[in-house]
Amino acid sequence: MEKSVEWQLEDCMKEMFSLEDRDIREYSPLALAYIGDSVYDLIIKSLVLNRGGRQVGKLHQDTSRLVQASAQSKMMRILQEELTEEERGVYKRGRNTRSVSTAKNQSVTDYRRATGFEALIGYLYLKREWKRLLLLIKQGLDFLEEEG
């Protein structure tokens, strides 16, 4: 039986770049948010691109609306009810961590909540819990769409 694509990618990355297995508990909440930001961005860009051919400026505009801290903060308000105890702990550690950067055009509350969201996404990505990661993102996006 053929391996799934994500495992092929992981195996190729390990082989080509000599990546070591790491205990995700070694990563700080900001390190989790760092990778989570990229993972979330890639997922949103993939979704926006899949909606059909448009100018790159319009793609960027649609993406920016969903990746900004205020959107992630709104998503987390609804998602908190869905989190497991472990996930809630990761989110809270990310949310409560003092960041070196400051919120640009965002409230401090939204920025911190978004950092917690990104830490959670990074954590689920590094744990390879793809379905759980995508389910939470889908629930959050559905909420944003309903809210209008």
N, C-alpha and C. Protein backbone atom coordinates (compact mmCIF):
# COMPACT_ATOMS: atom_id res chain seq x y z
N MET A 1 0.85 -1.17 0.00
CA MET A 1 0.00 0.00 0.00
C MET A 1 0.90 1.24 0.00
N GLU A 2 0.54 2.23 -0.80
CA GLU A 2 1.32 3.45 -0.92
C GLU A 2 1.09 4.34 0.29
N LYS A 3 2.16 4.96 0.75
CA LYS A 3 2.05 5.89 1.87
C LYS A 3 1.28 7.13 1.43
N SER A 4 0.66 7.79 2.39
CA SER A 4 -0.04 9.02 2.08
C SER A 4 0.98 10.11 1.73
N VAL A 5 0.52 11.15 1.05
CA VAL A 5 1.40 12.20 0.57
C VAL A 5 2.16 12.88 1.71
N GLU A 6 1.47 13.18 2.82
CA GLU A 6 2.15 13.90 3.89
C GLU A 6 3.31 13.11 4.46
N TRP A 7 3.19 11.80 4.50
CA TRP A 7 4.29 10.98 5.00
C TRP A 7 5.40 10.92 3.97
N GLN A 8 5.07 10.95 2.71
CA GLN A 8 6.12 11.00 1.68
C GLN A 8 6.90 12.29 1.82
N LEU A 9 6.23 13.40 2.00
CA LEU A 9 6.89 14.69 2.16
C LEU A 9 7.79 14.67 3.39
N GLU A 10 7.27 14.18 4.49
CA GLU A 10 8.05 14.13 5.72
C GLU A 10 9.29 13.26 5.53
N ASP A 11 9.12 12.08 4.93
CA ASP A 11 10.25 11.19 4.70
C ASP A 11 11.29 11.84 3.78
N CYS A 12 10.84 12.50 2.73
CA CYS A 12 11.76 13.18 1.81
C CYS A 12 12.51 14.30 2.51
N MET A 13 11.81 15.09 3.31
CA MET A 13 12.46 16.18 4.04
C MET A 13 13.51 15.64 5.00
N LYS A 14 13.17 14.59 5.73
CA LYS A 14 14.13 14.00 6.68
C LYS A 14 15.37 13.51 5.95
N GLU A 15 15.16 12.86 4.83
CA GLU A 15 16.27 12.31 4.07
C GLU A 15 17.14 13.41 3.44
N MET A 16 16.52 14.35 2.76
CA MET A 16 17.27 15.37 2.02
C MET A 16 17.93 16.41 2.92
N PHE A 17 17.31 16.72 4.04
CA PHE A 17 17.83 17.77 4.91
C PHE A 17 18.37 17.23 6.24
N SER A 18 18.42 15.92 6.39
CA SER A 18 18.93 15.28 7.60
C SER A 18 18.23 15.80 8.85
N LEU A 19 16.89 15.89 8.77
CA LEU A 19 16.12 16.35 9.92
C LEU A 19 16.07 15.28 11.00
N GLU A 20 16.15 15.72 12.23
CA GLU A 20 16.08 14.81 13.36
C GLU A 20 14.67 14.83 13.95
N ASP A 21 14.26 13.73 14.56
CA ASP A 21 13.01 13.72 15.30
C ASP A 21 13.22 14.55 16.55
N ARG A 22 12.25 15.43 16.84
CA ARG A 22 12.34 16.29 18.01
C ARG A 22 11.09 16.10 18.86
N ASP A 23 11.26 16.23 20.14
CA ASP A 23 10.14 16.21 21.08
C ASP A 23 9.48 17.58 21.01
N ILE A 24 8.20 17.62 20.63
CA ILE A 24 7.56 18.93 20.46
C ILE A 24 7.43 19.69 21.78
N ARG A 25 7.60 19.02 22.89
CA ARG A 25 7.57 19.71 24.17
C ARG A 25 8.80 20.59 24.36
N GLU A 26 9.82 20.41 23.51
CA GLU A 26 11.02 21.23 23.56
C GLU A 26 10.78 22.63 23.00
N TYR A 27 9.75 22.78 22.21
CA TYR A 27 9.51 24.05 21.54
C TYR A 27 8.75 25.02 22.44
N SER A 28 9.16 26.26 22.40
CA SER A 28 8.46 27.30 23.16
C SER A 28 7.12 27.59 22.48
N PRO A 29 6.19 28.20 23.19
CA PRO A 29 4.92 28.58 22.56
C PRO A 29 5.12 29.49 21.34
N LEU A 30 6.11 30.39 21.39
CA LEU A 30 6.36 31.26 20.24
C LEU A 30 6.94 30.50 19.06
N ALA A 31 7.73 29.45 19.33
CA ALA A 31 8.23 28.62 18.24
C ALA A 31 7.07 27.85 17.60
N LEU A 32 6.14 27.38 18.41
CA LEU A 32 4.95 26.71 17.87
C LEU A 32 4.13 27.68 17.03
N ALA A 33 3.99 28.92 17.52
CA ALA A 33 3.24 29.93 16.77
C ALA A 33 3.96 30.28 15.47
N TYR A 34 5.26 30.26 15.48
CA TYR A 34 6.07 30.56 14.30
C TYR A 34 5.75 29.59 13.17
N ILE A 35 5.75 28.30 13.46
CA ILE A 35 5.45 27.31 12.42
C ILE A 35 3.94 27.29 12.16
N GLY A 36 3.13 27.49 13.18
CA GLY A 36 1.68 27.49 13.02
C GLY A 36 1.20 28.60 12.11
N ASP A 37 1.85 29.75 12.17
CA ASP A 37 1.52 30.87 11.30
C ASP A 37 1.70 30.46 9.83
N SER A 38 2.81 29.80 9.54
CA SER A 38 3.08 29.37 8.16
C SER A 38 2.12 28.28 7.69
N VAL A 39 1.83 27.34 8.56
CA VAL A 39 0.91 26.25 8.21
C VAL A 39 -0.48 26.82 7.92
N TYR A 40 -0.96 27.69 8.80
CA TYR A 40 -2.28 28.29 8.62
C TYR A 40 -2.31 29.13 7.33
N ASP A 41 -1.26 29.88 7.10
CA ASP A 41 -1.17 30.71 5.90
C ASP A 41 -1.23 29.84 4.64
N LEU A 42 -0.51 28.74 4.63
CA LEU A 42 -0.51 27.84 3.47
C LEU A 42 -1.90 27.24 3.24
N ILE A 43 -2.56 26.85 4.31
CA ILE A 43 -3.91 26.28 4.18
C ILE A 43 -4.87 27.32 3.62
N ILE A 44 -4.84 28.53 4.16
CA ILE A 44 -5.73 29.59 3.68
C ILE A 44 -5.41 29.93 2.23
N LYS A 45 -4.14 30.06 1.88
CA LYS A 45 -3.78 30.35 0.49
C LYS A 45 -4.25 29.25 -0.45
N SER A 46 -4.16 28.01 -0.02
CA SER A 46 -4.63 26.89 -0.84
C SER A 46 -6.14 26.97 -1.06
N LEU A 47 -6.88 27.31 0.00
CA LEU A 47 -8.33 27.43 -0.11
C LEU A 47 -8.71 28.59 -1.02
N VAL A 48 -8.06 29.73 -0.86
CA VAL A 48 -8.37 30.91 -1.66
C VAL A 48 -8.04 30.65 -3.13
N LEU A 49 -6.90 30.03 -3.39
CA LEU A 49 -6.49 29.73 -4.76
C LEU A 49 -7.46 28.77 -5.43
N ASN A 50 -7.98 27.83 -4.66
CA ASN A 50 -8.90 26.82 -5.19
C ASN A 50 -10.24 27.39 -5.62
N ARG A 51 -10.57 28.58 -5.15
CA ARG A 51 -11.85 29.20 -5.51
C ARG A 51 -11.90 29.66 -6.96
N GLY A 52 -10.78 29.60 -7.64
CA GLY A 52 -10.78 29.96 -9.05
C GLY A 52 -9.79 31.06 -9.38
N GLY A 53 -9.52 31.15 -10.66
CA GLY A 53 -8.53 32.10 -11.14
C GLY A 53 -8.95 33.54 -10.96
N ARG A 54 -8.14 34.29 -10.25
CA ARG A 54 -8.33 35.72 -10.05
C ARG A 54 -6.96 36.37 -10.05
N GLN A 55 -6.96 37.66 -10.09
CA GLN A 55 -5.69 38.38 -10.03
C GLN A 55 -5.03 38.14 -8.68
N VAL A 56 -3.70 38.14 -8.68
CA VAL A 56 -2.94 37.88 -7.46
C VAL A 56 -3.29 38.89 -6.37
N GLY A 57 -3.53 40.12 -6.74
CA GLY A 57 -3.91 41.14 -5.75
C GLY A 57 -5.19 40.77 -5.02
N LYS A 58 -6.15 40.23 -5.74
CA LYS A 58 -7.43 39.80 -5.14
C LYS A 58 -7.20 38.57 -4.25
N LEU A 59 -6.34 37.65 -4.69
CA LEU A 59 -6.01 36.48 -3.87
C LEU A 59 -5.39 36.94 -2.55
N HIS A 60 -4.47 37.88 -2.64
CA HIS A 60 -3.79 38.39 -1.44
C HIS A 60 -4.79 39.08 -0.50
N GLN A 61 -5.69 39.84 -1.07
CA GLN A 61 -6.70 40.54 -0.28
C GLN A 61 -7.58 39.55 0.48
N ASP A 62 -8.05 38.51 -0.22
CA ASP A 62 -8.90 37.49 0.41
C ASP A 62 -8.14 36.73 1.49
N THR A 63 -6.86 36.44 1.22
CA THR A 63 -6.03 35.73 2.19
C THR A 63 -5.80 36.59 3.43
N SER A 64 -5.44 37.85 3.21
CA SER A 64 -5.14 38.76 4.32
C SER A 64 -6.31 38.88 5.28
N ARG A 65 -7.50 38.91 4.75
CA ARG A 65 -8.71 39.03 5.57
C ARG A 65 -8.84 37.86 6.55
N LEU A 66 -8.36 36.68 6.14
CA LEU A 66 -8.52 35.49 6.97
C LEU A 66 -7.33 35.18 7.87
N VAL A 67 -6.16 35.74 7.54
CA VAL A 67 -4.98 35.43 8.34
C VAL A 67 -4.65 36.52 9.36
N GLN A 68 -5.36 37.65 9.30
CA GLN A 68 -5.06 38.71 10.26
C GLN A 68 -5.48 38.29 11.67
N ALA A 69 -4.85 38.92 12.64
CA ALA A 69 -5.06 38.55 14.04
C ALA A 69 -6.52 38.65 14.46
N SER A 70 -7.25 39.66 13.98
CA SER A 70 -8.64 39.81 14.40
C SER A 70 -9.50 38.63 13.94
N ALA A 71 -9.23 38.09 12.75
CA ALA A 71 -9.99 36.93 12.26
C ALA A 71 -9.64 35.69 13.08
N GLN A 72 -8.35 35.50 13.35
CA GLN A 72 -7.94 34.35 14.15
C GLN A 72 -8.50 34.45 15.56
N SER A 73 -8.55 35.65 16.08
CA SER A 73 -9.11 35.87 17.41
C SER A 73 -10.59 35.50 17.46
N LYS A 74 -11.34 35.92 16.44
CA LYS A 74 -12.77 35.56 16.38
C LYS A 74 -12.94 34.06 16.29
N MET A 75 -12.09 33.41 15.50
CA MET A 75 -12.18 31.96 15.38
C MET A 75 -11.94 31.28 16.72
N MET A 76 -10.95 31.78 17.46
CA MET A 76 -10.61 31.16 18.75
C MET A 76 -11.72 31.30 19.77
N ARG A 77 -12.49 32.38 19.69
CA ARG A 77 -13.59 32.54 20.64
C ARG A 77 -14.56 31.37 20.55
N ILE A 78 -14.84 30.91 19.33
CA ILE A 78 -15.77 29.79 19.16
C ILE A 78 -15.06 28.44 19.34
N LEU A 79 -13.80 28.38 18.93
CA LEU A 79 -13.08 27.10 18.98
C LEU A 79 -12.72 26.67 20.40
N GLN A 80 -12.61 27.61 21.31
CA GLN A 80 -12.21 27.26 22.68
C GLN A 80 -13.13 26.20 23.27
N GLU A 81 -14.39 26.23 22.89
CA GLU A 81 -15.35 25.25 23.40
C GLU A 81 -15.08 23.85 22.86
N GLU A 82 -14.38 23.76 21.72
CA GLU A 82 -14.14 22.49 21.04
C GLU A 82 -12.81 21.84 21.42
N LEU A 83 -11.95 22.57 22.14
CA LEU A 83 -10.60 22.07 22.40
C LEU A 83 -10.57 21.02 23.49
N THR A 84 -9.64 20.08 23.33
CA THR A 84 -9.37 19.12 24.39
C THR A 84 -8.59 19.85 25.48
N GLU A 85 -8.42 19.22 26.61
CA GLU A 85 -7.67 19.82 27.70
C GLU A 85 -6.23 20.10 27.28
N GLU A 86 -5.62 19.16 26.56
CA GLU A 86 -4.25 19.32 26.08
C GLU A 86 -4.15 20.50 25.10
N GLU A 87 -5.08 20.58 24.16
CA GLU A 87 -5.09 21.66 23.18
C GLU A 87 -5.32 23.01 23.86
N ARG A 88 -6.20 23.04 24.85
CA ARG A 88 -6.47 24.28 25.57
C ARG A 88 -5.21 24.77 26.29
N GLY A 89 -4.45 23.83 26.84
CA GLY A 89 -3.20 24.19 27.51
C GLY A 89 -2.19 24.80 26.54
N VAL A 90 -2.07 24.23 25.35
CA VAL A 90 -1.15 24.77 24.33
C VAL A 90 -1.62 26.16 23.93
N TYR A 91 -2.91 26.31 23.68
CA TYR A 91 -3.46 27.61 23.29
C TYR A 91 -3.19 28.66 24.36
N LYS A 92 -3.45 28.33 25.62
CA LYS A 92 -3.27 29.29 26.71
C LYS A 92 -1.81 29.68 26.87
N ARG A 93 -0.90 28.71 26.74
CA ARG A 93 0.53 29.05 26.83
C ARG A 93 0.93 30.00 25.71
N GLY A 94 0.42 29.75 24.50
CA GLY A 94 0.71 30.65 23.38
C GLY A 94 0.10 32.02 23.58
N ARG A 95 -1.11 32.05 24.06
CA ARG A 95 -1.82 33.33 24.27
C ARG A 95 -1.14 34.16 25.34
N ASN A 96 -0.63 33.52 26.38
CA ASN A 96 -0.07 34.25 27.52
C ASN A 96 1.41 34.58 27.37
N THR A 97 2.04 34.13 26.32
CA THR A 97 3.46 34.39 26.11
C THR A 97 3.66 35.82 25.63
N ARG A 98 4.62 36.47 26.22
CA ARG A 98 4.96 37.84 25.80
C ARG A 98 5.80 37.76 24.54
N SER A 99 5.33 38.40 23.50
CA SER A 99 6.02 38.40 22.22
C SER A 99 6.96 39.60 22.13
N VAL A 100 8.03 39.44 21.35
CA VAL A 100 8.97 40.53 21.13
C VAL A 100 8.32 41.61 20.28
N SER A 101 7.52 41.19 19.30
CA SER A 101 6.86 42.16 18.42
C SER A 101 5.56 42.65 19.05
N THR A 102 5.06 43.72 18.48
CA THR A 102 3.80 44.28 18.98
C THR A 102 2.71 44.11 17.92
N ALA A 103 1.50 44.23 18.35
CA ALA A 103 0.36 44.09 17.44
C ALA A 103 0.33 45.27 16.48
N LYS A 104 0.37 44.96 15.18
CA LYS A 104 0.32 46.01 14.16
C LYS A 104 -1.12 46.13 13.67
N ASN A 105 -1.74 47.26 13.94
CA ASN A 105 -3.13 47.52 13.53
C ASN A 105 -4.11 46.52 14.14
N GLN A 106 -3.76 45.93 15.27
CA GLN A 106 -4.63 44.96 15.94
C GLN A 106 -4.63 45.28 17.43
N SER A 107 -5.69 44.90 18.11
CA SER A 107 -5.70 45.08 19.56
C SER A 107 -4.75 44.06 20.20
N VAL A 108 -4.26 44.38 21.37
CA VAL A 108 -3.37 43.46 22.08
C VAL A 108 -4.10 42.15 22.37
N THR A 109 -5.38 42.24 22.71
CA THR A 109 -6.17 41.03 22.99
C THR A 109 -6.26 40.14 21.76
N ASP A 110 -6.59 40.74 20.61
CA ASP A 110 -6.67 39.95 19.38
C ASP A 110 -5.31 39.35 19.04
N TYR A 111 -4.25 40.11 19.19
CA TYR A 111 -2.91 39.64 18.86
C TYR A 111 -2.53 38.46 19.74
N ARG A 112 -2.80 38.54 21.02
CA ARG A 112 -2.46 37.44 21.94
C ARG A 112 -3.30 36.19 21.66
N ARG A 113 -4.59 36.41 21.42
CA ARG A 113 -5.46 35.28 21.10
C ARG A 113 -5.00 34.62 19.80
N ALA A 114 -4.60 35.42 18.82
CA ALA A 114 -4.11 34.90 17.54
C ALA A 114 -2.79 34.14 17.73
N THR A 115 -1.94 34.61 18.61
CA THR A 115 -0.69 33.91 18.89
C THR A 115 -0.99 32.54 19.50
N GLY A 116 -1.97 32.48 20.39
CA GLY A 116 -2.39 31.19 20.95
C GLY A 116 -2.94 30.27 19.88
N PHE A 117 -3.73 30.82 18.97
CA PHE A 117 -4.28 30.05 17.85
C PHE A 117 -3.14 29.48 17.00
N GLU A 118 -2.17 30.31 16.65
CA GLU A 118 -1.06 29.86 15.82
C GLU A 118 -0.21 28.82 16.55
N ALA A 119 -0.04 28.97 17.86
CA ALA A 119 0.69 27.97 18.64
C ALA A 119 -0.04 26.62 18.58
N LEU A 120 -1.35 26.66 18.69
CA LEU A 120 -2.15 25.44 18.61
C LEU A 120 -2.02 24.79 17.23
N ILE A 121 -2.09 25.59 16.18
CA ILE A 121 -1.94 25.06 14.82
C ILE A 121 -0.55 24.44 14.66
N GLY A 122 0.48 25.12 15.14
CA GLY A 122 1.83 24.58 15.07
C GLY A 122 1.98 23.28 15.83
N TYR A 123 1.37 23.22 16.98
CA TYR A 123 1.41 22.01 17.82
C TYR A 123 0.75 20.83 17.10
N LEU A 124 -0.43 21.06 16.57
CA LEU A 124 -1.13 19.98 15.87
C LEU A 124 -0.38 19.55 14.61
N TYR A 125 0.23 20.50 13.93
CA TYR A 125 1.03 20.19 12.75
C TYR A 125 2.23 19.31 13.13
N LEU A 126 2.96 19.72 14.16
CA LEU A 126 4.14 18.95 14.57
C LEU A 126 3.77 17.58 15.14
N LYS A 127 2.58 17.46 15.70
CA LYS A 127 2.10 16.16 16.18
C LYS A 127 1.56 15.30 15.04
N ARG A 128 1.46 15.91 13.85
CA ARG A 128 0.94 15.25 12.64
C ARG A 128 -0.54 14.87 12.80
N GLU A 129 -1.26 15.70 13.53
CA GLU A 129 -2.70 15.50 13.69
C GLU A 129 -3.42 16.33 12.64
N TRP A 130 -3.22 15.90 11.38
CA TRP A 130 -3.71 16.64 10.22
C TRP A 130 -5.22 16.84 10.24
N LYS A 131 -5.97 15.78 10.50
CA LYS A 131 -7.43 15.89 10.46
C LYS A 131 -7.94 16.82 11.55
N ARG A 132 -7.37 16.72 12.74
CA ARG A 132 -7.81 17.59 13.83
C ARG A 132 -7.48 19.05 13.51
N LEU A 133 -6.30 19.28 12.99
CA LEU A 133 -5.87 20.62 12.60
C LEU A 133 -6.85 21.20 11.59
N LEU A 134 -7.15 20.45 10.54
CA LEU A 134 -8.05 20.93 9.49
C LEU A 134 -9.49 21.08 9.98
N LEU A 135 -9.92 20.19 10.86
CA LEU A 135 -11.27 20.29 11.41
C LEU A 135 -11.44 21.59 12.20
N LEU A 136 -10.48 21.91 13.04
CA LEU A 136 -10.58 23.15 13.82
C LEU A 136 -10.56 24.38 12.91
N ILE A 137 -9.71 24.36 11.90
CA ILE A 137 -9.67 25.49 10.96
C ILE A 137 -10.99 25.61 10.22
N LYS A 138 -11.54 24.48 9.78
CA LYS A 138 -12.82 24.51 9.07
C LYS A 138 -13.93 25.06 9.96
N GLN A 139 -13.98 24.61 11.21
CA GLN A 139 -15.00 25.12 12.13
C GLN A 139 -14.84 26.63 12.33
N GLY A 140 -13.62 27.09 12.47
CA GLY A 140 -13.37 28.51 12.63
C GLY A 140 -13.77 29.31 11.40
N LEU A 141 -13.43 28.80 10.23
CA LEU A 141 -13.79 29.50 8.99
C LEU A 141 -15.30 29.50 8.78
N ASP A 142 -15.95 28.39 9.11
CA ASP A 142 -17.41 28.34 9.01
C ASP A 142 -18.05 29.39 9.90
N PHE A 143 -17.50 29.56 11.11
CA PHE A 143 -18.00 30.56 12.03
C PHE A 143 -17.83 31.97 11.45
N LEU A 144 -16.65 32.25 10.89
CA LEU A 144 -16.42 33.57 10.29
C LEU A 144 -17.39 33.84 9.15
N GLU A 145 -17.67 32.81 8.36
CA GLU A 145 -18.59 32.96 7.24
C GLU A 145 -20.01 33.23 7.72
N GLU A 146 -20.43 32.51 8.75
CA GLU A 146 -21.78 32.71 9.31
C GLU A 146 -21.92 34.11 9.90
N GLU A 147 -20.84 34.55 10.55
CA GLU A 147 -20.85 35.86 11.19
C GLU A 147 -20.94 36.99 10.16
N GLY A 148 -20.41 36.70 8.97
CA GLY A 148 -20.53 37.62 7.84
C GLY A 148 -19.62 38.75 7.92
